[in-house]
Amino acid sequence: MMILVTLFSVIGGCLVYKGATNGVKLVGYYFLQVQPAIFPHILSMVASNFRGTTRRSIASSAVFIVYCVANIAGPQLFRHEDAPKYTKAFLSWIICYCLTILFAVLIMLSYKYQNKRQAAKQQVKPEEDPNADLVEYVDPTFRYMY
């Protein structure tokens, strides 16, 4: 879902960046309005893939800090020298959205690989106490969600 939502943002950014008419740019702007839906997807991945309150809290806090830094840095790309087209700003958006898709694919592939490793571990009896509070990468029954 995160990749699909980000694809709308890439398309919108491209339409705003290279749109020939104001109507095309407006459609691109509307496509860009889907972008805030990416953040809840990231938060749900953190909630699903970290076990333990402290680990989940630290990971959620790190995501929130990066989100805040990006929201502070993003508007700085819109410089008055680039007005009215702001080509550097929209090109930066497109690049960041493409990187988001790349990282989402890499995370998905990594989680698939880890799930296969966990399934192989599950075949072998764990040496630890089954009642122990294991972290996600040690527990053979844990599966990553993507």
N, C-alpha and C. Protein backbone atom coordinates (compact mmCIF):
# COMPACT_ATOMS: atom_id res chain seq x y z
N MET A 1 0.82 -1.19 0.00
CA MET A 1 0.00 0.00 0.00
C MET A 1 0.87 1.25 0.00
N MET A 2 1.94 1.21 0.78
CA MET A 2 2.81 2.39 0.87
C MET A 2 3.42 2.71 -0.49
N ILE A 3 3.79 1.70 -1.24
CA ILE A 3 4.37 1.91 -2.57
C ILE A 3 3.32 2.51 -3.50
N LEU A 4 2.09 2.02 -3.45
CA LEU A 4 1.03 2.55 -4.29
C LEU A 4 0.76 4.02 -3.97
N VAL A 5 0.67 4.34 -2.70
CA VAL A 5 0.43 5.73 -2.29
C VAL A 5 1.58 6.62 -2.76
N THR A 6 2.80 6.14 -2.64
CA THR A 6 3.95 6.93 -3.04
C THR A 6 4.00 7.09 -4.56
N LEU A 7 3.53 6.10 -5.30
CA LEU A 7 3.47 6.23 -6.77
C LEU A 7 2.57 7.39 -7.18
N PHE A 8 1.46 7.59 -6.47
CA PHE A 8 0.61 8.75 -6.75
C PHE A 8 1.40 10.05 -6.55
N SER A 9 2.21 10.08 -5.51
CA SER A 9 3.01 11.29 -5.25
C SER A 9 4.08 11.50 -6.32
N VAL A 10 4.68 10.42 -6.79
CA VAL A 10 5.68 10.54 -7.87
C VAL A 10 5.01 11.08 -9.13
N ILE A 11 3.86 10.53 -9.48
CA ILE A 11 3.14 10.99 -10.67
C ILE A 11 2.75 12.46 -10.51
N GLY A 12 2.23 12.81 -9.34
CA GLY A 12 1.86 14.20 -9.09
C GLY A 12 3.04 15.13 -9.16
N GLY A 13 4.16 14.74 -8.58
CA GLY A 13 5.36 15.57 -8.64
C GLY A 13 5.85 15.77 -10.06
N CYS A 14 5.78 14.71 -10.85
CA CYS A 14 6.20 14.82 -12.27
C CYS A 14 5.27 15.73 -13.05
N LEU A 15 3.97 15.66 -12.78
CA LEU A 15 3.02 16.52 -13.48
C LEU A 15 3.23 17.99 -13.11
N VAL A 16 3.50 18.25 -11.83
CA VAL A 16 3.74 19.63 -11.42
C VAL A 16 5.08 20.12 -11.98
N TYR A 17 6.07 19.24 -11.99
CA TYR A 17 7.42 19.61 -12.43
C TYR A 17 7.48 19.89 -13.93
N LYS A 18 6.85 19.05 -14.73
CA LYS A 18 6.95 19.17 -16.19
C LYS A 18 5.62 19.40 -16.89
N GLY A 19 4.57 19.70 -16.15
CA GLY A 19 3.27 19.90 -16.77
C GLY A 19 3.28 21.08 -17.73
N ALA A 20 2.63 20.89 -18.89
CA ALA A 20 2.64 21.92 -19.93
C ALA A 20 1.62 23.03 -19.66
N THR A 21 0.50 22.67 -19.04
CA THR A 21 -0.54 23.67 -18.78
C THR A 21 -0.84 23.73 -17.29
N ASN A 22 -1.55 24.77 -16.91
CA ASN A 22 -1.93 24.92 -15.50
C ASN A 22 -2.89 23.81 -15.07
N GLY A 23 -3.73 23.32 -15.98
CA GLY A 23 -4.64 22.23 -15.66
C GLY A 23 -3.90 20.94 -15.31
N VAL A 24 -2.86 20.65 -16.08
CA VAL A 24 -2.05 19.45 -15.81
C VAL A 24 -1.34 19.60 -14.46
N LYS A 25 -0.83 20.79 -14.21
CA LYS A 25 -0.16 21.03 -12.93
C LYS A 25 -1.13 20.91 -11.75
N LEU A 26 -2.37 21.35 -11.97
CA LEU A 26 -3.38 21.24 -10.92
C LEU A 26 -3.70 19.77 -10.63
N VAL A 27 -3.83 18.96 -11.66
CA VAL A 27 -4.06 17.52 -11.47
C VAL A 27 -2.88 16.91 -10.70
N GLY A 28 -1.66 17.31 -11.05
CA GLY A 28 -0.48 16.85 -10.33
C GLY A 28 -0.52 17.25 -8.87
N TYR A 29 -0.96 18.47 -8.61
CA TYR A 29 -1.09 18.94 -7.22
C TYR A 29 -2.09 18.09 -6.46
N TYR A 30 -3.20 17.73 -7.11
CA TYR A 30 -4.20 16.87 -6.46
C TYR A 30 -3.60 15.50 -6.16
N PHE A 31 -2.80 14.97 -7.06
CA PHE A 31 -2.15 13.69 -6.81
C PHE A 31 -1.19 13.79 -5.63
N LEU A 32 -0.54 14.93 -5.48
CA LEU A 32 0.39 15.11 -4.36
C LEU A 32 -0.30 15.10 -3.01
N GLN A 33 -1.60 15.38 -3.00
CA GLN A 33 -2.33 15.44 -1.73
C GLN A 33 -2.52 14.08 -1.08
N VAL A 34 -2.16 13.02 -1.78
CA VAL A 34 -2.22 11.66 -1.23
C VAL A 34 -1.00 11.40 -0.33
N GLN A 35 0.03 12.20 -0.46
CA GLN A 35 1.31 12.00 0.22
C GLN A 35 1.20 11.83 1.74
N PRO A 36 0.35 12.57 2.47
CA PRO A 36 0.30 12.37 3.93
C PRO A 36 -0.11 10.96 4.35
N ALA A 37 -0.69 10.19 3.47
CA ALA A 37 -1.09 8.81 3.81
C ALA A 37 0.11 7.89 3.99
N ILE A 38 1.29 8.32 3.58
CA ILE A 38 2.48 7.49 3.73
C ILE A 38 2.86 7.35 5.21
N PHE A 39 2.72 8.43 5.97
CA PHE A 39 3.15 8.42 7.37
C PHE A 39 2.43 7.38 8.23
N PRO A 40 1.10 7.25 8.16
CA PRO A 40 0.45 6.18 8.94
C PRO A 40 0.92 4.77 8.56
N HIS A 41 1.24 4.58 7.27
CA HIS A 41 1.76 3.27 6.86
C HIS A 41 3.10 2.99 7.55
N ILE A 42 3.94 3.99 7.61
CA ILE A 42 5.24 3.80 8.27
C ILE A 42 5.04 3.51 9.75
N LEU A 43 4.16 4.25 10.41
CA LEU A 43 3.90 4.02 11.83
C LEU A 43 3.31 2.63 12.09
N SER A 44 2.46 2.17 11.19
CA SER A 44 1.89 0.83 11.39
C SER A 44 2.95 -0.25 11.20
N MET A 45 3.91 -0.01 10.29
CA MET A 45 5.02 -0.97 10.13
C MET A 45 5.86 -1.04 11.40
N VAL A 46 6.10 0.12 12.02
CA VAL A 46 6.87 0.14 13.26
C VAL A 46 6.11 -0.61 14.35
N ALA A 47 4.81 -0.36 14.47
CA ALA A 47 4.01 -1.01 15.50
C ALA A 47 3.94 -2.52 15.29
N SER A 48 3.96 -2.96 14.04
CA SER A 48 3.83 -4.39 13.75
C SER A 48 5.15 -5.15 13.84
N ASN A 49 6.26 -4.47 13.64
CA ASN A 49 7.52 -5.18 13.46
C ASN A 49 8.53 -5.01 14.58
N PHE A 50 8.12 -4.38 15.66
CA PHE A 50 8.99 -4.29 16.83
C PHE A 50 8.23 -4.84 18.02
N ARG A 51 8.88 -5.72 18.74
CA ARG A 51 8.27 -6.33 19.90
C ARG A 51 8.81 -5.62 21.14
N GLY A 52 7.96 -5.40 22.07
CA GLY A 52 8.37 -4.76 23.32
C GLY A 52 8.06 -3.27 23.31
N THR A 53 7.60 -2.80 24.43
CA THR A 53 7.17 -1.41 24.53
C THR A 53 8.32 -0.44 24.32
N THR A 54 9.46 -0.72 24.92
CA THR A 54 10.59 0.20 24.81
C THR A 54 11.12 0.25 23.39
N ARG A 55 11.31 -0.88 22.75
CA ARG A 55 11.81 -0.91 21.38
C ARG A 55 10.84 -0.22 20.43
N ARG A 56 9.56 -0.49 20.59
CA ARG A 56 8.55 0.13 19.73
C ARG A 56 8.51 1.64 19.96
N SER A 57 8.63 2.05 21.20
CA SER A 57 8.60 3.48 21.53
C SER A 57 9.80 4.21 20.93
N ILE A 58 10.98 3.61 21.03
CA ILE A 58 12.19 4.23 20.47
C ILE A 58 12.09 4.31 18.94
N ALA A 59 11.62 3.25 18.32
CA ALA A 59 11.49 3.25 16.86
C ALA A 59 10.45 4.27 16.40
N SER A 60 9.33 4.36 17.09
CA SER A 60 8.31 5.34 16.74
C SER A 60 8.82 6.76 16.94
N SER A 61 9.58 6.98 17.99
CA SER A 61 10.16 8.30 18.24
C SER A 61 11.16 8.67 17.16
N ALA A 62 11.97 7.72 16.72
CA ALA A 62 12.93 7.99 15.65
C ALA A 62 12.22 8.35 14.34
N VAL A 63 11.14 7.63 14.03
CA VAL A 63 10.37 7.93 12.82
C VAL A 63 9.77 9.33 12.94
N PHE A 64 9.25 9.68 14.11
CA PHE A 64 8.65 10.99 14.29
C PHE A 64 9.69 12.11 14.18
N ILE A 65 10.88 11.90 14.70
CA ILE A 65 11.94 12.91 14.60
C ILE A 65 12.34 13.12 13.14
N VAL A 66 12.50 12.04 12.39
CA VAL A 66 12.83 12.17 10.96
C VAL A 66 11.70 12.88 10.22
N TYR A 67 10.46 12.57 10.55
CA TYR A 67 9.31 13.22 9.94
C TYR A 67 9.33 14.72 10.21
N CYS A 68 9.62 15.11 11.45
CA CYS A 68 9.66 16.52 11.81
C CYS A 68 10.81 17.24 11.11
N VAL A 69 11.97 16.63 11.05
CA VAL A 69 13.11 17.23 10.36
C VAL A 69 12.79 17.42 8.87
N ALA A 70 12.15 16.43 8.27
CA ALA A 70 11.79 16.55 6.86
C ALA A 70 10.77 17.67 6.64
N ASN A 71 9.85 17.84 7.58
CA ASN A 71 8.86 18.91 7.45
C ASN A 71 9.47 20.29 7.69
N ILE A 72 10.55 20.36 8.39
CA ILE A 72 11.27 21.62 8.56
C ILE A 72 12.13 21.90 7.33
N ALA A 73 12.80 20.88 6.82
CA ALA A 73 13.72 21.05 5.69
C ALA A 73 12.99 21.22 4.36
N GLY A 74 11.88 20.56 4.17
CA GLY A 74 11.17 20.58 2.90
C GLY A 74 10.83 21.98 2.39
N PRO A 75 10.22 22.82 3.20
CA PRO A 75 9.88 24.16 2.71
C PRO A 75 11.11 25.02 2.35
N GLN A 76 12.27 24.67 2.88
CA GLN A 76 13.48 25.44 2.56
C GLN A 76 13.90 25.25 1.10
N LEU A 77 13.34 24.23 0.45
CA LEU A 77 13.65 24.00 -0.96
C LEU A 77 12.98 25.02 -1.87
N PHE A 78 11.93 25.64 -1.39
CA PHE A 78 11.20 26.63 -2.18
C PHE A 78 11.83 28.01 -1.97
N ARG A 79 12.83 28.29 -2.78
CA ARG A 79 13.57 29.55 -2.67
C ARG A 79 12.96 30.59 -3.60
N HIS A 80 13.05 31.85 -3.21
CA HIS A 80 12.45 32.90 -4.03
C HIS A 80 13.17 33.08 -5.36
N GLU A 81 14.42 32.65 -5.46
CA GLU A 81 15.13 32.74 -6.74
C GLU A 81 14.53 31.80 -7.79
N ASP A 82 13.90 30.73 -7.34
CA ASP A 82 13.35 29.72 -8.25
C ASP A 82 11.89 29.99 -8.64
N ALA A 83 11.31 31.03 -8.07
CA ALA A 83 9.89 31.32 -8.34
C ALA A 83 9.72 31.69 -9.81
N PRO A 84 8.65 31.42 -10.44
CA PRO A 84 7.44 30.78 -9.93
C PRO A 84 7.40 29.28 -10.18
N LYS A 85 8.40 28.73 -10.86
CA LYS A 85 8.33 27.30 -11.22
C LYS A 85 8.85 26.37 -10.12
N TYR A 86 9.80 26.81 -9.32
CA TYR A 86 10.38 26.01 -8.23
C TYR A 86 10.83 24.64 -8.72
N THR A 87 11.55 24.62 -9.82
CA THR A 87 11.95 23.35 -10.44
C THR A 87 12.84 22.52 -9.52
N LYS A 88 13.76 23.15 -8.80
CA LYS A 88 14.64 22.39 -7.90
C LYS A 88 13.84 21.75 -6.77
N ALA A 89 12.86 22.46 -6.26
CA ALA A 89 12.06 21.93 -5.16
C ALA A 89 11.25 20.71 -5.61
N PHE A 90 10.59 20.83 -6.76
CA PHE A 90 9.76 19.71 -7.22
C PHE A 90 10.61 18.53 -7.68
N LEU A 91 11.77 18.80 -8.23
CA LEU A 91 12.68 17.72 -8.60
C LEU A 91 13.16 16.99 -7.33
N SER A 92 13.44 17.75 -6.28
CA SER A 92 13.83 17.14 -4.99
C SER A 92 12.70 16.27 -4.44
N TRP A 93 11.48 16.73 -4.57
CA TRP A 93 10.33 15.94 -4.13
C TRP A 93 10.27 14.62 -4.87
N ILE A 94 10.40 14.69 -6.18
CA ILE A 94 10.33 13.47 -7.00
C ILE A 94 11.43 12.49 -6.59
N ILE A 95 12.63 13.00 -6.37
CA ILE A 95 13.75 12.15 -5.96
C ILE A 95 13.46 11.51 -4.61
N CYS A 96 12.96 12.28 -3.67
CA CYS A 96 12.65 11.74 -2.34
C CYS A 96 11.54 10.69 -2.39
N TYR A 97 10.52 10.93 -3.21
CA TYR A 97 9.46 9.94 -3.35
C TYR A 97 9.99 8.65 -3.98
N CYS A 98 10.86 8.78 -4.97
CA CYS A 98 11.46 7.59 -5.58
C CYS A 98 12.32 6.83 -4.58
N LEU A 99 13.04 7.56 -3.73
CA LEU A 99 13.83 6.91 -2.68
C LEU A 99 12.92 6.21 -1.68
N THR A 100 11.77 6.80 -1.40
CA THR A 100 10.81 6.16 -0.51
C THR A 100 10.35 4.81 -1.07
N ILE A 101 10.07 4.78 -2.36
CA ILE A 101 9.67 3.53 -3.01
C ILE A 101 10.81 2.52 -2.95
N LEU A 102 12.02 2.98 -3.24
CA LEU A 102 13.19 2.08 -3.20
C LEU A 102 13.37 1.48 -1.81
N PHE A 103 13.30 2.31 -0.77
CA PHE A 103 13.48 1.80 0.59
C PHE A 103 12.33 0.88 0.99
N ALA A 104 11.11 1.18 0.55
CA ALA A 104 9.98 0.30 0.85
C ALA A 104 10.18 -1.08 0.23
N VAL A 105 10.67 -1.11 -1.00
CA VAL A 105 10.94 -2.40 -1.66
C VAL A 105 12.07 -3.14 -0.93
N LEU A 106 13.12 -2.42 -0.56
CA LEU A 106 14.23 -3.06 0.16
C LEU A 106 13.78 -3.61 1.51
N ILE A 107 12.95 -2.86 2.22
CA ILE A 107 12.43 -3.34 3.51
C ILE A 107 11.56 -4.58 3.30
N MET A 108 10.72 -4.54 2.27
CA MET A 108 9.86 -5.69 1.99
C MET A 108 10.69 -6.94 1.69
N LEU A 109 11.72 -6.79 0.86
CA LEU A 109 12.58 -7.93 0.54
C LEU A 109 13.32 -8.43 1.77
N SER A 110 13.79 -7.50 2.59
CA SER A 110 14.48 -7.88 3.82
C SER A 110 13.54 -8.64 4.76
N TYR A 111 12.30 -8.16 4.90
CA TYR A 111 11.35 -8.84 5.78
C TYR A 111 10.99 -10.22 5.25
N LYS A 112 10.87 -10.35 3.93
CA LYS A 112 10.60 -11.68 3.36
C LYS A 112 11.74 -12.63 3.67
N TYR A 113 12.97 -12.15 3.51
CA TYR A 113 14.15 -12.96 3.81
C TYR A 113 14.18 -13.35 5.29
N GLN A 114 13.92 -12.38 6.16
CA GLN A 114 13.92 -12.65 7.61
C GLN A 114 12.82 -13.64 7.98
N ASN A 115 11.67 -13.54 7.35
CA ASN A 115 10.59 -14.48 7.63
C ASN A 115 10.97 -15.90 7.23
N LYS A 116 11.69 -16.04 6.11
CA LYS A 116 12.15 -17.37 5.71
C LYS A 116 13.16 -17.91 6.72
N ARG A 117 14.06 -17.05 7.19
CA ARG A 117 15.02 -17.47 8.22
C ARG A 117 14.32 -17.87 9.50
N GLN A 118 13.30 -17.11 9.89
CA GLN A 118 12.56 -17.42 11.11
C GLN A 118 11.82 -18.75 10.96
N ALA A 119 11.29 -19.01 9.78
CA ALA A 119 10.60 -20.29 9.55
C ALA A 119 11.57 -21.45 9.66
N ALA A 120 12.79 -21.25 9.18
CA ALA A 120 13.81 -22.31 9.30
C ALA A 120 14.20 -22.51 10.75
N LYS A 121 14.27 -21.44 11.52
CA LYS A 121 14.59 -21.54 12.95
C LYS A 121 13.48 -22.26 13.70
N GLN A 122 12.25 -22.06 13.26
CA GLN A 122 11.12 -22.66 13.95
C GLN A 122 11.16 -24.18 13.83
N GLN A 123 11.79 -24.70 12.79
CA GLN A 123 11.92 -26.14 12.62
C GLN A 123 12.79 -26.74 13.72
N VAL A 124 13.74 -25.95 14.22
CA VAL A 124 14.64 -26.39 15.28
C VAL A 124 14.07 -25.91 16.61
N LYS A 125 14.11 -26.76 17.63
CA LYS A 125 13.60 -26.39 18.94
C LYS A 125 14.48 -25.30 19.55
N PRO A 126 13.89 -24.19 20.03
CA PRO A 126 14.69 -23.15 20.66
C PRO A 126 15.25 -23.62 22.00
N GLU A 127 16.46 -23.16 22.31
CA GLU A 127 17.11 -23.56 23.55
C GLU A 127 16.64 -22.72 24.72
N GLU A 128 16.08 -21.52 24.44
CA GLU A 128 15.66 -20.64 25.51
C GLU A 128 14.34 -21.09 26.10
N ASP A 129 14.01 -20.51 27.24
CA ASP A 129 12.75 -20.75 27.91
C ASP A 129 11.62 -20.20 27.03
N PRO A 130 10.60 -20.98 26.71
CA PRO A 130 9.52 -20.50 25.85
C PRO A 130 8.75 -19.34 26.45
N ASN A 131 8.83 -19.16 27.77
CA ASN A 131 8.13 -18.06 28.42
C ASN A 131 8.96 -16.77 28.43
N ALA A 132 10.18 -16.84 27.95
CA ALA A 132 11.04 -15.64 27.95
C ALA A 132 10.51 -14.62 26.95
N ASP A 133 10.75 -13.35 27.28
CA ASP A 133 10.33 -12.26 26.40
C ASP A 133 11.44 -12.04 25.37
N LEU A 134 11.30 -12.67 24.21
CA LEU A 134 12.33 -12.62 23.18
C LEU A 134 12.12 -11.45 22.25
N VAL A 135 13.21 -10.88 21.79
CA VAL A 135 13.10 -9.84 20.77
C VAL A 135 12.71 -10.49 19.45
N GLU A 136 12.19 -9.67 18.54
CA GLU A 136 11.59 -10.22 17.31
C GLU A 136 12.56 -11.00 16.45
N TYR A 137 13.83 -10.61 16.39
CA TYR A 137 14.77 -11.30 15.51
C TYR A 137 15.32 -12.59 16.13
N VAL A 138 14.99 -12.88 17.38
CA VAL A 138 15.43 -14.12 18.03
C VAL A 138 14.29 -15.13 18.12
N ASP A 139 13.08 -14.64 18.28
CA ASP A 139 11.91 -15.52 18.43
C ASP A 139 11.59 -16.20 17.11
N PRO A 140 11.64 -17.53 17.06
CA PRO A 140 11.38 -18.23 15.81
C PRO A 140 9.91 -18.16 15.36
N THR A 141 9.00 -17.77 16.24
CA THR A 141 7.58 -17.70 15.87
C THR A 141 7.18 -16.31 15.35
N PHE A 142 8.07 -15.33 15.48
CA PHE A 142 7.75 -13.96 15.05
C PHE A 142 7.84 -13.84 13.55
N ARG A 143 6.88 -13.15 12.94
CA ARG A 143 6.91 -12.89 11.51
C ARG A 143 6.77 -11.39 11.28
N TYR A 144 7.61 -10.86 10.40
CA TYR A 144 7.55 -9.45 10.06
C TYR A 144 6.37 -9.19 9.15
N MET A 145 5.74 -8.03 9.32
CA MET A 145 4.61 -7.64 8.49
C MET A 145 5.07 -6.59 7.49
N TYR A 146 4.66 -6.72 6.25
CA TYR A 146 5.02 -5.73 5.22
C TYR A 146 3.87 -5.50 4.29
